[in-house]
Each structure stands twice: as C-alpha cells, then as structure tokens.
Amino acid sequence: MKIISGTLKGRKINGYDIEGTRPTMDRVKESLFGMIQEYVNGSLCLDLFAGSGNLGLEAISNGAKMCYFNDKNNKCVKTIQKNIVEFNIQEQAKVFNLDYKVLLNKLVTDNQQFDIIFLDPPYKMTCLNEIILFITNNNLLNDEGIIICEVDNDYLNSNFPNLEIIKKRQYSDKFIIIYKKTGL
C-alpha cells in the first residue's frame, strides 16, 4: 500500500496488515481520487474509520489542508501517527482514538464542519445510514461538501436529506458511493 499521487506519491503506507481493517486497494483508491480530485485541494477532511490512514493521507498528498483521523483500534492509531511522522505532515493531521459516536458528538459540540468525509467502517458494521443521517442532521458537512462511503454491499439509502448521489461505482465486492450536499 502506497500513496498513489500528489506530493507524497510513491511513499509506503504502514498498516496494510492490521487485523480487522480492510485497506482500500491502490487501484480503487486511484479511481476514487480521480472522481473527487476537484474537491480535495484546500479541503478539511474527516477519515472516521481511518485504519492505517490510507484515504486521509492520500487526501493530504493531493492538497487537503487538514485531515482528522479517527480509529477506535489503538494499533491503528499508532500506525496513523507513525505514518504522519514519517511523511512529516504533523501540521496537517489530528488523530483521535475514540468510538465514532463519541467523536461525532465532540465535532458537533465544537461546531466543526468538513468538506470531505470518508466513511469506510470495519467489516460487518452496518451503521452508515445512521452516521450519514447524523452528519446531515447536525450540519457536519460544509455546503457543497461530499461524503465518500466504501461498503461491501449496496445497502445504503439513496434518499438522505440535503444529499444527492453524484457517483457510484462497483469494484468486485466493494461499492464506492459519493454523496454531495445540496441546497436546503
């Protein structure tokens, strides 16, 4: 697993083998970042189930100004921190080791909003519909912001308030679904 484009292109990402994670394969990541490139530069990102930090690191490499990384798994958090130090991007990263619900509530309390939110939960978690509703109901997404979901199956709702699906792709057994915030 490596950074596929941008200022950190070619750098190896630690953590492809962390138990319970499912890293986004390079070819899927390349396609995904091709679809969202116009949103990345200067963006504030949230990688809610970060694993190794693969998606957030790629976003920073492609011009995101900041990424909040979160994972409940201590091994993942240590790996993310190691990657951030090795890539010398400490000023562009905040790392949390919290349950996703705790972090989302903290972000609401802090009046935080994001341009890009990556949602790639661990295997067998079926919480994305609830998370997306929480994001929209609590205004965690900036106007014109996007939510990127990576799921094993096509179980997500297509009708969320103030969101529209702008891209949907299938890669073998994975789906990438991108929602964009629309006018109220």
C-alpha atoms as a PDB file:
ATOM      1  CA  MET A   1       0.000   0.000   0.000  1.00  0.00           C
ATOM      2  CA  LYS A   2       1.380   3.372  -1.011  1.00  0.00           C
ATOM      3  CA  ILE A   3       0.459   6.960  -1.787  1.00  0.00           C
ATOM      4  CA  ILE A   4      -0.581   6.938  -5.443  1.00  0.00           C
ATOM      5  CA  SER A   5      -0.472  10.634  -6.351  1.00  0.00           C
ATOM      6  CA  GLY A   6       0.395  14.117  -5.181  1.00  0.00           C
ATOM      7  CA  THR A   7       3.320  15.435  -3.149  1.00  0.00           C
ATOM      8  CA  LEU A   8       3.837  12.147  -1.264  1.00  0.00           C
ATOM      9  CA  LYS A   9       3.463   9.909  -4.335  1.00  0.00           C
ATOM     10  CA  GLY A  10       5.247   6.574  -4.012  1.00  0.00           C
ATOM     11  CA  ARG A  11       5.667   6.693  -0.226  1.00  0.00           C
ATOM     12  CA  LYS A  12       4.869   3.416   1.509  1.00  0.00           C
ATOM     13  CA  ILE A  13       1.968   3.454   3.973  1.00  0.00           C
ATOM     14  CA  ASN A  14       2.416   1.327   7.083  1.00  0.00           C
ATOM     15  CA  GLY A  15      -0.549  -0.708   8.322  1.00  0.00           C
ATOM     16  CA  TYR A  16      -1.884  -2.725   5.415  1.00  0.00           C
ATOM     17  CA  ASP A  17      -1.971  -5.821   7.646  1.00  0.00           C
ATOM     18  CA  ILE A  18      -3.804  -4.571  10.749  1.00  0.00           C
ATOM     19  CA  GLU A  19      -6.342  -7.159  11.839  1.00  0.00           C
ATOM     20  CA  GLY A  20      -9.962  -6.051  11.413  1.00  0.00           C
ATOM     21  CA  THR A  21      -9.203  -3.414   8.787  1.00  0.00           C
ATOM     22  CA  ARG A  22      -9.836  -3.553   5.083  1.00  0.00           C
ATOM     23  CA  PRO A  23      -7.443  -1.238   3.297  1.00  0.00           C
ATOM     24  CA  THR A  24      -8.666   0.389   0.113  1.00  0.00           C
ATOM     25  CA  MET A  25      -6.662  -1.208  -2.666  1.00  0.00           C
ATOM     26  CA  ASP A  26      -4.467   1.095  -4.744  1.00  0.00           C
ATOM     27  CA  ARG A  27      -6.486   0.696  -7.962  1.00  0.00           C
ATOM     28  CA  VAL A  28      -9.747   1.529  -6.143  1.00  0.00           C
ATOM     29  CA  LYS A  29      -8.102   4.469  -4.361  1.00  0.00           C
ATOM     30  CA  GLU A  30      -6.730   5.773  -7.664  1.00  0.00           C
ATOM     31  CA  SER A  31     -10.184   5.637  -9.218  1.00  0.00           C
ATOM     32  CA  LEU A  32     -11.779   7.221  -6.131  1.00  0.00           C
ATOM     33  CA  PHE A  33      -9.353  10.150  -6.067  1.00  0.00           C
ATOM     34  CA  GLY A  34      -9.873  10.629  -9.789  1.00  0.00           C
ATOM     35  CA  MET A  35     -13.597  11.069  -9.045  1.00  0.00           C
ATOM     36  CA  ILE A  36     -13.103  13.567  -6.188  1.00  0.00           C
ATOM     37  CA  GLN A  37      -9.987  15.465  -7.290  1.00  0.00           C
ATOM     38  CA  GLU A  38     -11.859  18.755  -7.757  1.00  0.00           C
ATOM     39  CA  TYR A  39     -12.936  18.676  -4.079  1.00  0.00           C
ATOM     40  CA  VAL A  40      -9.598  17.830  -2.446  1.00  0.00           C
ATOM     41  CA  ASN A  41      -7.332  20.870  -2.786  1.00  0.00           C
ATOM     42  CA  GLY A  42      -7.624  23.089   0.303  1.00  0.00           C
ATOM     43  CA  SER A  43     -10.216  20.833   1.909  1.00  0.00           C
ATOM     44  CA  LEU A  44     -10.801  19.890   5.533  1.00  0.00           C
ATOM     45  CA  CYS A  45     -11.290  16.110   5.731  1.00  0.00           C
ATOM     46  CA  LEU A  46     -12.536  13.583   8.260  1.00  0.00           C
ATOM     47  CA  ASP A  47     -11.453   9.942   7.984  1.00  0.00           C
ATOM     48  CA  LEU A  48     -13.836   8.487  10.580  1.00  0.00           C
ATOM     49  CA  PHE A  49     -12.721   4.826  10.450  1.00  0.00           C
ATOM     50  CA  ALA A  50      -9.165   5.579   9.394  1.00  0.00           C
ATOM     51  CA  GLY A  51      -7.419   2.201   9.800  1.00  0.00           C
ATOM     52  CA  SER A  52      -3.896   2.942   8.535  1.00  0.00           C
ATOM     53  CA  GLY A  53      -4.915   6.446   7.463  1.00  0.00           C
ATOM     54  CA  ASN A  54      -4.727   5.463   3.799  1.00  0.00           C
ATOM     55  CA  LEU A  55      -7.524   7.736   2.500  1.00  0.00           C
ATOM     56  CA  GLY A  56      -6.732  10.764   4.637  1.00  0.00           C
ATOM     57  CA  LEU A  57      -3.024  10.510   3.809  1.00  0.00           C
ATOM     58  CA  GLU A  58      -3.858  10.396   0.106  1.00  0.00           C
ATOM     59  CA  ALA A  59      -6.068  13.473   0.547  1.00  0.00           C
ATOM     60  CA  ILE A  60      -3.232  15.389   2.238  1.00  0.00           C
ATOM     61  CA  SER A  61      -0.844  14.319  -0.520  1.00  0.00           C
ATOM     62  CA  ASN A  62      -3.316  15.753  -3.036  1.00  0.00           C
ATOM     63  CA  GLY A  63      -3.658  19.137  -1.354  1.00  0.00           C
ATOM     64  CA  ALA A  64      -6.081  18.783   1.559  1.00  0.00           C
ATOM     65  CA  LYS A  65      -5.140  21.398   4.154  1.00  0.00           C
ATOM     66  CA  MET A  66      -6.050  19.189   7.132  1.00  0.00           C
ATOM     67  CA  CYS A  67      -7.385  15.735   7.925  1.00  0.00           C
ATOM     68  CA  TYR A  68      -8.894  14.484  11.162  1.00  0.00           C
ATOM     69  CA  PHE A  69      -8.117  10.779  11.513  1.00  0.00           C
ATOM     70  CA  ASN A  70     -10.078   8.585  13.922  1.00  0.00           C
ATOM     71  CA  ASP A  71      -9.981   4.939  14.822  1.00  0.00           C
ATOM     72  CA  LYS A  72     -11.055   3.069  17.928  1.00  0.00           C
ATOM     73  CA  ASN A  73      -8.276   0.493  17.463  1.00  0.00           C
ATOM     74  CA  ASN A  74      -5.106   1.510  19.364  1.00  0.00           C
ATOM     75  CA  LYS A  75      -2.869  -0.294  16.862  1.00  0.00           C
ATOM     76  CA  CYS A  76      -4.440   1.696  14.018  1.00  0.00           C
ATOM     77  CA  VAL A  77      -3.929   4.988  15.845  1.00  0.00           C
ATOM     78  CA  LYS A  78      -0.255   4.207  16.499  1.00  0.00           C
ATOM     79  CA  THR A  79       0.175   3.298  12.823  1.00  0.00           C
ATOM     80  CA  ILE A  80      -1.511   6.528  11.672  1.00  0.00           C
ATOM     81  CA  GLN A  81       0.743   8.546  13.975  1.00  0.00           C
ATOM     82  CA  LYS A  82       3.799   6.716  12.634  1.00  0.00           C
ATOM     83  CA  ASN A  83       2.754   7.426   9.025  1.00  0.00           C
ATOM     84  CA  ILE A  84       2.148  11.104   9.810  1.00  0.00           C
ATOM     85  CA  VAL A  85       5.596  11.494  11.400  1.00  0.00           C
ATOM     86  CA  GLU A  86       7.333   9.589   8.582  1.00  0.00           C
ATOM     87  CA  PHE A  87       5.618  11.818   5.989  1.00  0.00           C
ATOM     88  CA  ASN A  88       6.340  14.964   8.069  1.00  0.00           C
ATOM     89  CA  ILE A  89       2.739  16.180   7.877  1.00  0.00           C
ATOM     90  CA  GLN A  90       2.060  16.700  11.596  1.00  0.00           C
ATOM     91  CA  GLU A  91       0.702  20.222  10.963  1.00  0.00           C
ATOM     92  CA  GLN A  92      -1.938  18.811   8.612  1.00  0.00           C
ATOM     93  CA  ALA A  93      -3.249  15.993  10.811  1.00  0.00           C
ATOM     94  CA  LYS A  94      -5.218  15.496  14.005  1.00  0.00           C
ATOM     95  CA  VAL A  95      -5.552  11.948  15.327  1.00  0.00           C
ATOM     96  CA  PHE A  96      -8.275  10.659  17.634  1.00  0.00           C
ATOM     97  CA  ASN A  97      -8.630   7.275  19.347  1.00  0.00           C
ATOM     98  CA  LEU A  98     -12.379   7.336  20.040  1.00  0.00           C
ATOM     99  CA  ASP A  99     -15.542   5.432  19.337  1.00  0.00           C
ATOM    100  CA  TYR A 100     -17.017   7.031  16.220  1.00  0.00           C
ATOM    101  CA  LYS A 101     -20.161   8.170  18.087  1.00  0.00           C
ATOM    102  CA  VAL A 102     -18.086   9.949  20.728  1.00  0.00           C
ATOM    103  CA  LEU A 103     -16.032  11.740  18.088  1.00  0.00           C
ATOM    104  CA  LEU A 104     -19.077  12.775  16.049  1.00  0.00           C
ATOM    105  CA  ASN A 105     -20.702  14.267  19.149  1.00  0.00           C
ATOM    106  CA  LYS A 106     -17.444  16.085  20.006  1.00  0.00           C
ATOM    107  CA  LEU A 107     -17.281  17.537  16.491  1.00  0.00           C
ATOM    108  CA  VAL A 108     -20.872  18.802  16.794  1.00  0.00           C
ATOM    109  CA  THR A 109     -20.069  20.402  20.169  1.00  0.00           C
ATOM    110  CA  ASP A 110     -17.004  22.047  18.584  1.00  0.00           C
ATOM    111  CA  ASN A 111     -19.133  23.349  15.631  1.00  0.00           C
ATOM    112  CA  GLN A 112     -16.791  21.561  13.220  1.00  0.00           C
ATOM    113  CA  GLN A 113     -17.642  21.132   9.546  1.00  0.00           C
ATOM    114  CA  PHE A 114     -15.846  19.221   6.807  1.00  0.00           C
ATOM    115  CA  ASP A 115     -15.505  19.411   3.045  1.00  0.00           C
ATOM    116  CA  ILE A 116     -14.844  15.672   2.662  1.00  0.00           C
ATOM    117  CA  ILE A 117     -15.872  12.866   4.989  1.00  0.00           C
ATOM    118  CA  PHE A 118     -14.534   9.359   4.365  1.00  0.00           C
ATOM    119  CA  LEU A 119     -16.684   6.524   5.765  1.00  0.00           C
ATOM    120  CA  ASP A 120     -15.068   3.114   5.414  1.00  0.00           C
ATOM    121  CA  PRO A 121     -16.092   1.165   8.529  1.00  0.00           C
ATOM    122  CA  PRO A 122     -14.666  -2.221   9.578  1.00  0.00           C
ATOM    123  CA  TYR A 123     -16.147  -5.432   8.222  1.00  0.00           C
ATOM    124  CA  LYS A 124     -19.729  -6.228   9.173  1.00  0.00           C
ATOM    125  CA  MET A 125     -20.538  -2.754  10.532  1.00  0.00           C
ATOM    126  CA  THR A 126     -23.850  -1.598   9.134  1.00  0.00           C
ATOM    127  CA  CYS A 127     -24.013   1.829  10.750  1.00  0.00           C
ATOM    128  CA  LEU A 128     -23.511   4.057   7.717  1.00  0.00           C
ATOM    129  CA  ASN A 129     -27.160   5.022   7.234  1.00  0.00           C
ATOM    130  CA  GLU A 130     -27.291   6.247  10.843  1.00  0.00           C
ATOM    131  CA  ILE A 131     -23.934   8.033  10.544  1.00  0.00           C
ATOM    132  CA  ILE A 132     -24.949   9.838   7.359  1.00  0.00           C
ATOM    133  CA  LEU A 133     -28.226  10.935   8.961  1.00  0.00           C
ATOM    134  CA  PHE A 134     -26.281  12.187  11.994  1.00  0.00           C
ATOM    135  CA  ILE A 135     -23.908  14.129   9.728  1.00  0.00           C
ATOM    136  CA  THR A 136     -26.755  15.791   7.835  1.00  0.00           C
ATOM    137  CA  ASN A 137     -28.925  16.426  10.902  1.00  0.00           C
ATOM    138  CA  ASN A 138     -26.009  18.041  12.758  1.00  0.00           C
ATOM    139  CA  ASN A 139     -24.559  20.034   9.852  1.00  0.00           C
ATOM    140  CA  LEU A 140     -21.103  18.403   9.920  1.00  0.00           C
ATOM    141  CA  LEU A 141     -20.733  18.781   6.143  1.00  0.00           C
ATOM    142  CA  ASN A 142     -19.924  22.152   4.552  1.00  0.00           C
ATOM    143  CA  ASP A 143     -22.024  23.427   1.665  1.00  0.00           C
ATOM    144  CA  GLU A 144     -21.025  21.533  -1.479  1.00  0.00           C
ATOM    145  CA  GLY A 145     -19.174  19.006   0.748  1.00  0.00           C
ATOM    146  CA  ILE A 146     -19.016  15.298  -0.060  1.00  0.00           C
ATOM    147  CA  ILE A 147     -19.305  12.037   1.850  1.00  0.00           C
ATOM    148  CA  ILE A 148     -17.448   9.043   0.429  1.00  0.00           C
ATOM    149  CA  CYS A 149     -18.673   5.608   1.524  1.00  0.00           C
ATOM    150  CA  GLU A 150     -16.896   2.336   0.893  1.00  0.00           C
ATOM    151  CA  VAL A 151     -19.125  -0.642   1.593  1.00  0.00           C
ATOM    152  CA  ASP A 152     -19.243  -4.391   0.984  1.00  0.00           C
ATOM    153  CA  ASN A 153     -22.725  -4.260  -0.454  1.00  0.00           C
ATOM    154  CA  ASP A 154     -25.246  -1.812  -1.793  1.00  0.00           C
ATOM    155  CA  TYR A 155     -27.310  -1.382   1.389  1.00  0.00           C
ATOM    156  CA  LEU A 156     -27.139   2.400   1.760  1.00  0.00           C
ATOM    157  CA  ASN A 157     -30.192   4.583   1.411  1.00  0.00           C
ATOM    158  CA  SER A 158     -30.261   6.766  -1.652  1.00  0.00           C
ATOM    159  CA  ASN A 159     -32.525   9.420  -0.129  1.00  0.00           C
ATOM    160  CA  PHE A 160     -30.825  11.368   2.634  1.00  0.00           C
ATOM    161  CA  PRO A 161     -31.925  14.911   3.454  1.00  0.00           C
ATOM    162  CA  ASN A 162     -29.911  17.503   1.512  1.00  0.00           C
ATOM    163  CA  LEU A 163     -27.670  14.887  -0.135  1.00  0.00           C
ATOM    164  CA  GLU A 164     -27.572  13.500  -3.641  1.00  0.00           C
ATOM    165  CA  ILE A 165     -25.553  10.605  -5.028  1.00  0.00           C
ATOM    166  CA  ILE A 166     -23.082  12.031  -7.528  1.00  0.00           C
ATOM    167  CA  LYS A 167     -21.019   8.887  -8.171  1.00  0.00           C
ATOM    168  CA  LYS A 168     -21.489   5.187  -7.563  1.00  0.00           C
ATOM    169  CA  ARG A 169     -19.017   2.544  -8.664  1.00  0.00           C
ATOM    170  CA  GLN A 170     -18.603  -1.164  -8.004  1.00  0.00           C
ATOM    171  CA  TYR A 171     -15.172  -2.766  -7.730  1.00  0.00           C
ATOM    172  CA  SER A 172     -15.508  -6.508  -7.348  1.00  0.00           C
ATOM    173  CA  ASP A 173     -17.295  -6.921  -3.992  1.00  0.00           C
ATOM    174  CA  LYS A 174     -16.950  -3.250  -2.912  1.00  0.00           C
ATOM    175  CA  PHE A 175     -19.042  -0.210  -3.699  1.00  0.00           C
ATOM    176  CA  ILE A 176     -17.888   3.400  -3.614  1.00  0.00           C
ATOM    177  CA  ILE A 177     -20.823   5.780  -3.186  1.00  0.00           C
ATOM    178  CA  ILE A 178     -20.258   9.539  -3.135  1.00  0.00           C
ATOM    179  CA  TYR A 179     -22.899  11.889  -1.774  1.00  0.00           C
ATOM    180  CA  LYS A 180     -22.816  15.657  -2.214  1.00  0.00           C
ATOM    181  CA  LYS A 181     -24.568  18.197  -0.036  1.00  0.00           C
ATOM    182  CA  THR A 182     -27.267  20.029  -1.941  1.00  0.00           C
ATOM    183  CA  GLY A 183     -29.140  23.250  -1.288  1.00  0.00           C
ATOM    184  CA  LEU A 184     -31.675  23.221   1.523  1.00  0.00           C
END
